[in-house]
Amino acid sequence: MNPSRKIRCIINPISGNFHKSKTYNYLQDWSDNKPYFLDIQYTEYEGHATKLAAEAVQQNYYAVLAAGGDGTIHEVCTALKDTDTILAVFPQGSGNGFSWHLGIKKNLKIALSYIENGHYQIIDMGVMNNDKYFINLAGLGFDGKVAYNIKGLANKGFLPYFANTTKELFKFKSQYYQILMDGTDMSGDYSMVAIANGSIYGYGFNIAPGASLTDREFDVLLVKRANFLSYIRMIPSMLAGKMIKSPYVQYLKCKQISINSSQPIYYHVDGEGFLENNTMEFKIIPSCLRIFVPEHVIL
């Protein structure tokens, strides 16, 4: 055992379509004849990954491997923020939006090769109202409502996501938001406001192709009110990374955005849906998280 290369592997046993025993065996086989000591733990409840990651920080672990989807990564990075412990992403969720941004997608060999290379960058994160941190994307309106709808579902795969998205398309109404972006008034009637640190929602939907994890800014999409067919036409453009070219989309950058509405606001952080009745403030937290990445790539 190399004490300087201790890695806590946090496995979400109900994430995606992977069985926890297969994940365990895969990681153990990979670590054979490599200079790592793996401490494998399973999450048992919401928020448990944050607690397990915080313990790893306290015990000076080299890295924490998050084996799950975007929700598991979200919980782990909350504990690793502003520490020397490095995040490793091991995609085992359904959508895996953040791993798509990293170039891993669902390829487990690529994910582990990032650890083997040992190269990491220090990236930005976002925070909402000083207590809800996120690494990839936050948003409100349409995508917030879909995330809220599927929050309690046992199966959060593509089919439930697609079914809820389609259902909301038929009935969702835009909402007037009072918006200040770095002090500039952008208030208006919008169906969706996407606040991107990373670029890709789950299942490869690239909504902010210019987003960078290291530029100390959010990429923000303000999606204007449109008819049903216009929203349908946006779906292929999201997959192609061209949604920002739509006449219904304003694409801007900022470090801080404040949002309020006279109606309750459905929103999400890293895909986890919530409902809010008060002013929401999103801020960028620059250079606060170490993460394994390929060499010679600026995220």
Protein backbone atom coordinates (compact mmCIF):
# COMPACT_ATOMS: atom_id res chain seq x y z
CA MET A 1 0.00 0.00 0.00
CA ASN A 2 1.22 3.47 -0.88
CA PRO A 3 -0.22 5.79 1.79
CA SER A 4 0.29 8.78 -0.46
CA ARG A 5 -1.98 7.23 -3.09
CA LYS A 6 -5.06 6.33 -1.06
CA ILE A 7 -8.22 6.66 -3.10
CA ARG A 8 -11.67 6.50 -1.57
CA CYS A 9 -14.10 5.05 -4.11
CA ILE A 10 -17.66 6.14 -3.37
CA ILE A 11 -20.16 3.96 -5.21
CA ASN A 12 -23.82 4.85 -5.55
CA PRO A 13 -25.35 1.33 -5.70
CA ILE A 14 -28.62 2.50 -7.27
CA SER A 15 -27.16 4.80 -9.91
CA GLY A 16 -27.73 3.93 -13.56
CA ASN A 17 -27.75 0.35 -14.78
CA PHE A 18 -24.58 -0.85 -13.05
CA HIS A 19 -24.55 -3.48 -10.31
CA LYS A 20 -22.46 -2.54 -7.30
CA SER A 21 -20.58 -5.87 -7.25
CA LYS A 22 -19.51 -5.41 -10.88
CA THR A 23 -18.28 -1.91 -10.08
CA TYR A 24 -16.36 -3.22 -7.07
CA ASN A 25 -14.71 -5.99 -9.11
CA TYR A 26 -13.89 -3.65 -11.98
CA LEU A 27 -12.12 -1.20 -9.69
CA GLN A 28 -10.26 -3.93 -7.79
CA ASP A 29 -9.06 -5.52 -11.04
CA TRP A 30 -7.88 -2.14 -12.29
CA SER A 31 -5.92 -1.39 -9.11
CA ASP A 32 -3.92 -4.65 -9.28
CA ASN A 33 -0.22 -3.89 -9.74
CA LYS A 34 -0.86 -0.15 -9.52
CA PRO A 35 0.39 2.21 -6.79
CA TYR A 36 -3.03 2.83 -5.27
CA PHE A 37 -4.84 1.68 -2.17
CA LEU A 38 -8.58 1.62 -2.78
CA ASP A 39 -11.02 2.20 0.05
CA ILE A 40 -14.42 1.30 -1.43
CA GLN A 41 -17.56 2.65 0.22
CA TYR A 42 -21.25 2.53 -0.75
CA THR A 43 -23.74 5.35 -0.31
CA GLU A 44 -26.79 4.53 1.78
CA TYR A 45 -28.84 7.74 1.71
CA GLU A 46 -29.03 11.17 0.13
CA GLY A 47 -26.04 13.25 1.20
CA HIS A 48 -23.99 10.23 2.27
CA ALA A 49 -21.46 10.75 -0.53
CA THR A 50 -20.70 14.21 0.85
CA LYS A 51 -20.06 12.77 4.30
CA LEU A 52 -17.83 9.98 2.95
CA ALA A 53 -15.85 12.46 0.82
CA ALA A 54 -15.42 14.82 3.78
CA GLU A 55 -13.98 11.92 5.82
CA ALA A 56 -11.50 11.23 3.02
CA VAL A 57 -10.38 14.87 3.10
CA GLN A 58 -9.90 14.74 6.87
CA GLN A 59 -7.81 11.58 6.49
CA ASN A 60 -5.62 13.14 3.77
CA TYR A 61 -6.70 10.88 0.92
CA TYR A 62 -5.03 11.48 -2.43
CA ALA A 63 -8.30 11.35 -4.35
CA VAL A 64 -11.99 10.51 -4.19
CA LEU A 65 -13.51 8.56 -7.05
CA ALA A 66 -17.21 9.28 -7.56
CA ALA A 67 -18.84 6.18 -9.08
CA GLY A 68 -22.34 7.27 -10.02
CA GLY A 69 -24.14 9.92 -12.01
CA ASP A 70 -24.16 13.69 -11.85
CA GLY A 71 -25.92 13.60 -8.46
CA THR A 72 -23.13 11.53 -6.90
CA ILE A 73 -20.46 13.79 -8.39
CA HIS A 74 -22.38 16.79 -7.07
CA GLU A 75 -22.36 15.42 -3.52
CA VAL A 76 -18.68 14.49 -3.63
CA CYS A 77 -17.41 17.78 -5.04
CA THR A 78 -19.31 19.69 -2.36
CA ALA A 79 -16.92 18.12 0.19
CA LEU A 80 -13.78 18.41 -1.95
CA LYS A 81 -14.15 22.14 -2.64
CA ASP A 82 -11.12 24.14 -1.43
CA THR A 83 -9.12 21.03 -0.48
CA ASP A 84 -6.06 19.22 -1.88
CA THR A 85 -8.00 15.99 -2.47
CA ILE A 86 -8.56 15.34 -6.18
CA LEU A 87 -11.90 14.38 -7.75
CA ALA A 88 -11.99 11.40 -10.12
CA VAL A 89 -15.14 10.86 -12.20
CA PHE A 90 -16.26 7.28 -12.85
CA PRO A 91 -19.52 7.56 -14.86
CA GLN A 92 -22.20 5.13 -13.77
CA GLY A 93 -25.33 7.21 -14.00
CA SER A 94 -27.94 7.43 -16.72
CA GLY A 95 -27.24 10.84 -18.21
CA ASN A 96 -23.62 11.52 -17.13
CA GLY A 97 -23.61 15.08 -18.44
CA PHE A 98 -20.48 16.15 -16.59
CA SER A 99 -18.46 13.17 -17.80
CA TRP A 100 -19.41 14.11 -21.36
CA HIS A 101 -17.89 17.54 -20.80
CA LEU A 102 -14.69 15.88 -19.55
CA GLY A 103 -14.49 13.71 -22.67
CA ILE A 104 -15.10 10.50 -20.71
CA LYS A 105 -18.74 10.01 -21.71
CA LYS A 106 -19.43 6.46 -20.43
CA ASN A 107 -15.98 5.01 -21.14
CA LEU A 108 -14.69 3.57 -17.85
CA LYS A 109 -11.20 2.87 -19.24
CA ILE A 110 -10.78 6.52 -20.19
CA ALA A 111 -12.01 7.58 -16.74
CA LEU A 112 -9.36 5.45 -15.01
CA SER A 113 -6.63 6.51 -17.44
CA TYR A 114 -7.06 10.09 -16.18
CA ILE A 115 -6.11 8.86 -12.69
CA GLU A 116 -3.15 6.86 -14.02
CA ASN A 117 -1.79 9.89 -15.85
CA GLY A 118 -1.97 11.84 -12.61
CA HIS A 119 -2.67 15.16 -14.30
CA TYR A 120 -5.23 17.45 -12.73
CA GLN A 121 -6.56 20.97 -13.11
CA ILE A 122 -8.12 23.30 -10.58
CA ILE A 123 -11.55 24.24 -11.85
CA ASP A 124 -14.41 26.57 -10.96
CA MET A 125 -17.69 25.67 -9.28
CA GLY A 126 -20.96 27.53 -8.80
CA VAL A 127 -23.05 28.18 -5.72
CA MET A 128 -26.69 29.16 -5.31
CA ASN A 129 -27.65 31.28 -2.27
CA ASN A 130 -24.32 30.44 -0.64
CA ASP A 131 -25.32 26.88 0.26
CA LYS A 132 -26.13 24.80 -2.85
CA TYR A 133 -22.92 24.10 -4.77
CA PHE A 134 -22.78 22.74 -8.31
CA ILE A 135 -20.06 21.65 -10.67
CA ASN A 136 -21.84 21.38 -14.00
CA LEU A 137 -25.15 23.15 -14.57
CA ALA A 138 -27.96 24.90 -12.76
CA GLY A 139 -31.15 26.21 -14.25
CA LEU A 140 -34.69 27.29 -13.71
CA GLY A 141 -37.95 27.15 -15.56
CA PHE A 142 -38.62 24.25 -17.89
CA ASP A 143 -35.59 22.11 -17.07
CA GLY A 144 -36.05 22.84 -13.35
CA LYS A 145 -39.64 21.58 -13.54
CA VAL A 146 -38.59 18.36 -15.30
CA ALA A 147 -35.86 17.76 -12.71
CA TYR A 148 -38.38 18.39 -9.92
CA ASN A 149 -40.89 15.95 -11.46
CA ILE A 150 -38.43 13.05 -11.67
CA LYS A 151 -36.73 13.70 -8.34
CA GLY A 152 -38.59 11.00 -6.44
CA LEU A 153 -38.67 8.38 -9.19
CA ALA A 154 -36.91 5.07 -8.52
CA ASN A 155 -35.92 4.83 -12.18
CA LYS A 156 -34.28 8.00 -13.48
CA GLY A 157 -33.15 6.64 -16.82
CA PHE A 158 -33.70 8.11 -20.26
CA LEU A 159 -37.29 6.93 -20.73
CA PRO A 160 -38.70 8.64 -17.58
CA TYR A 161 -36.66 11.73 -18.44
CA PHE A 162 -37.97 11.78 -22.01
CA ALA A 163 -41.57 11.11 -20.91
CA ASN A 164 -41.53 13.96 -18.38
CA THR A 165 -39.84 16.31 -20.84
CA THR A 166 -42.46 15.59 -23.50
CA LYS A 167 -45.30 16.00 -21.00
CA GLU A 168 -43.99 19.37 -19.84
CA LEU A 169 -43.54 20.59 -23.41
CA PHE A 170 -47.29 20.36 -23.93
CA LYS A 171 -48.29 22.32 -20.84
CA PHE A 172 -45.34 24.36 -19.57
CA LYS A 173 -45.77 28.15 -19.53
CA SER A 174 -43.05 30.76 -19.53
CA GLN A 175 -42.55 32.99 -16.51
CA TYR A 176 -41.49 36.59 -15.93
CA TYR A 177 -38.16 36.78 -14.11
CA GLN A 178 -36.43 39.80 -12.66
CA ILE A 179 -32.81 39.15 -13.60
CA LEU A 180 -29.60 41.02 -12.82
CA MET A 181 -26.43 39.70 -14.49
CA ASP A 182 -23.31 41.37 -13.08
CA GLY A 183 -25.58 44.36 -12.37
CA THR A 184 -27.16 44.46 -15.87
CA ASP A 185 -30.95 44.16 -16.00
CA MET A 186 -31.99 41.22 -18.21
CA SER A 187 -35.53 40.85 -16.86
CA GLY A 188 -38.08 39.27 -19.17
CA ASP A 189 -40.51 36.48 -19.94
CA TYR A 190 -38.50 33.26 -20.28
CA SER A 191 -39.27 29.56 -20.46
CA MET A 192 -35.82 28.58 -19.21
CA VAL A 193 -32.68 30.12 -17.75
CA ALA A 194 -29.63 27.84 -17.92
CA ILE A 195 -26.56 28.70 -15.83
CA ALA A 196 -23.63 26.70 -17.13
CA ASN A 197 -20.24 25.99 -15.63
CA GLY A 198 -19.93 22.83 -17.73
CA SER A 199 -21.48 22.52 -21.16
CA ILE A 200 -23.58 19.36 -21.35
CA TYR A 201 -26.78 18.11 -19.79
CA GLY A 202 -27.25 14.36 -19.49
CA TYR A 203 -27.52 12.21 -22.62
CA GLY A 204 -25.22 14.47 -24.63
CA PHE A 205 -27.41 17.60 -24.81
CA ASN A 206 -24.78 20.29 -25.40
CA ILE A 207 -26.46 23.56 -24.48
CA ALA A 208 -23.41 25.75 -23.85
CA PRO A 209 -20.63 24.68 -26.24
CA GLY A 210 -18.38 27.56 -25.19
CA ALA A 211 -18.57 26.84 -21.48
CA SER A 212 -15.26 26.40 -19.68
CA LEU A 213 -14.58 25.05 -16.20
CA THR A 214 -11.65 27.41 -15.77
CA ASP A 215 -12.74 30.79 -17.20
CA ARG A 216 -14.20 32.11 -13.91
CA GLU A 217 -17.54 32.85 -15.57
CA PHE A 218 -20.94 31.27 -16.13
CA ASP A 219 -22.34 30.81 -19.62
CA VAL A 220 -26.02 31.79 -19.36
CA LEU A 221 -28.81 30.93 -21.79
CA LEU A 222 -32.02 32.95 -21.59
CA VAL A 223 -34.64 31.03 -23.55
CA LYS A 224 -37.51 33.26 -24.61
CA ARG A 225 -41.17 32.32 -24.77
CA ALA A 226 -41.98 30.43 -27.96
CA ASN A 227 -44.60 28.08 -29.36
CA PHE A 228 -44.53 24.31 -28.99
CA LEU A 229 -43.05 23.60 -32.43
CA SER A 230 -40.21 26.05 -31.84
CA TYR A 231 -39.20 24.16 -28.71
CA ILE A 232 -39.35 20.86 -30.59
CA ARG A 233 -37.03 22.26 -33.25
CA MET A 234 -34.48 23.14 -30.55
CA ILE A 235 -33.96 19.49 -29.55
CA PRO A 236 -31.72 18.49 -32.51
CA SER A 237 -29.80 21.75 -32.15
CA MET A 238 -29.13 20.92 -28.47
CA LEU A 239 -27.54 17.62 -29.50
CA ALA A 240 -25.46 19.41 -32.12
CA GLY A 241 -24.36 22.19 -29.75
CA LYS A 242 -26.19 24.81 -31.82
CA MET A 243 -29.01 25.82 -29.48
CA ILE A 244 -27.28 29.14 -28.81
CA LYS A 245 -27.88 30.11 -32.46
CA SER A 246 -31.66 29.94 -32.05
CA PRO A 247 -33.46 33.32 -32.38
CA TYR A 248 -35.22 32.44 -29.12
CA VAL A 249 -31.97 32.18 -27.14
CA GLN A 250 -29.77 34.89 -25.65
CA TYR A 251 -26.29 33.59 -24.82
CA LEU A 252 -24.27 35.67 -22.31
CA LYS A 253 -21.50 35.36 -19.74
CA CYS A 254 -21.39 36.58 -16.16
CA LYS A 255 -19.87 35.93 -12.74
CA GLN A 256 -23.04 36.52 -10.73
CA ILE A 257 -26.74 36.37 -11.53
CA SER A 258 -29.68 37.28 -9.30
CA ILE A 259 -33.18 36.03 -10.18
CA ASN A 260 -36.58 36.70 -8.66
CA SER A 261 -40.21 36.15 -9.66
CA SER A 262 -43.67 36.81 -8.27
CA GLN A 263 -44.39 33.09 -8.78
CA PRO A 264 -42.64 30.05 -7.26
CA ILE A 265 -39.54 29.05 -9.25
CA TYR A 266 -38.71 25.49 -10.24
CA TYR A 267 -34.97 25.07 -10.48
CA HIS A 268 -32.19 22.48 -10.39
CA VAL A 269 -28.53 22.29 -9.44
CA ASP A 270 -26.62 19.50 -11.19
CA GLY A 271 -29.95 17.93 -12.15
CA GLU A 272 -31.49 17.85 -8.66
CA GLY A 273 -34.87 19.59 -8.74
CA PHE A 274 -36.19 22.06 -6.15
CA LEU A 275 -38.91 24.70 -5.68
CA GLU A 276 -38.03 28.20 -4.43
CA ASN A 277 -40.13 31.22 -3.44
CA ASN A 278 -37.36 33.73 -2.77
CA THR A 279 -34.65 35.57 -4.65
CA MET A 280 -32.00 33.23 -6.03
CA GLU A 281 -28.39 34.32 -6.40
CA PHE A 282 -25.84 32.30 -8.34
CA LYS A 283 -22.12 33.04 -8.03
CA ILE A 284 -19.03 31.55 -9.62
CA ILE A 285 -16.39 30.19 -7.21
CA PRO A 286 -13.12 30.40 -9.14
CA SER A 287 -10.35 27.79 -8.95
CA CYS A 288 -11.68 25.77 -6.04
CA LEU A 289 -11.71 22.08 -7.07
CA ARG A 290 -8.96 19.71 -8.19
CA ILE A 291 -10.04 17.17 -10.81
CA PHE A 292 -8.24 14.56 -12.91
CA VAL A 293 -8.23 15.52 -16.59
CA PRO A 294 -6.24 14.56 -19.69
CA GLU A 295 -2.95 16.36 -20.25
CA HIS A 296 -2.75 19.30 -22.65
CA VAL A 297 -6.51 19.92 -22.44
CA ILE A 298 -7.96 23.09 -20.96
CA LEU A 299 -11.45 22.43 -19.70
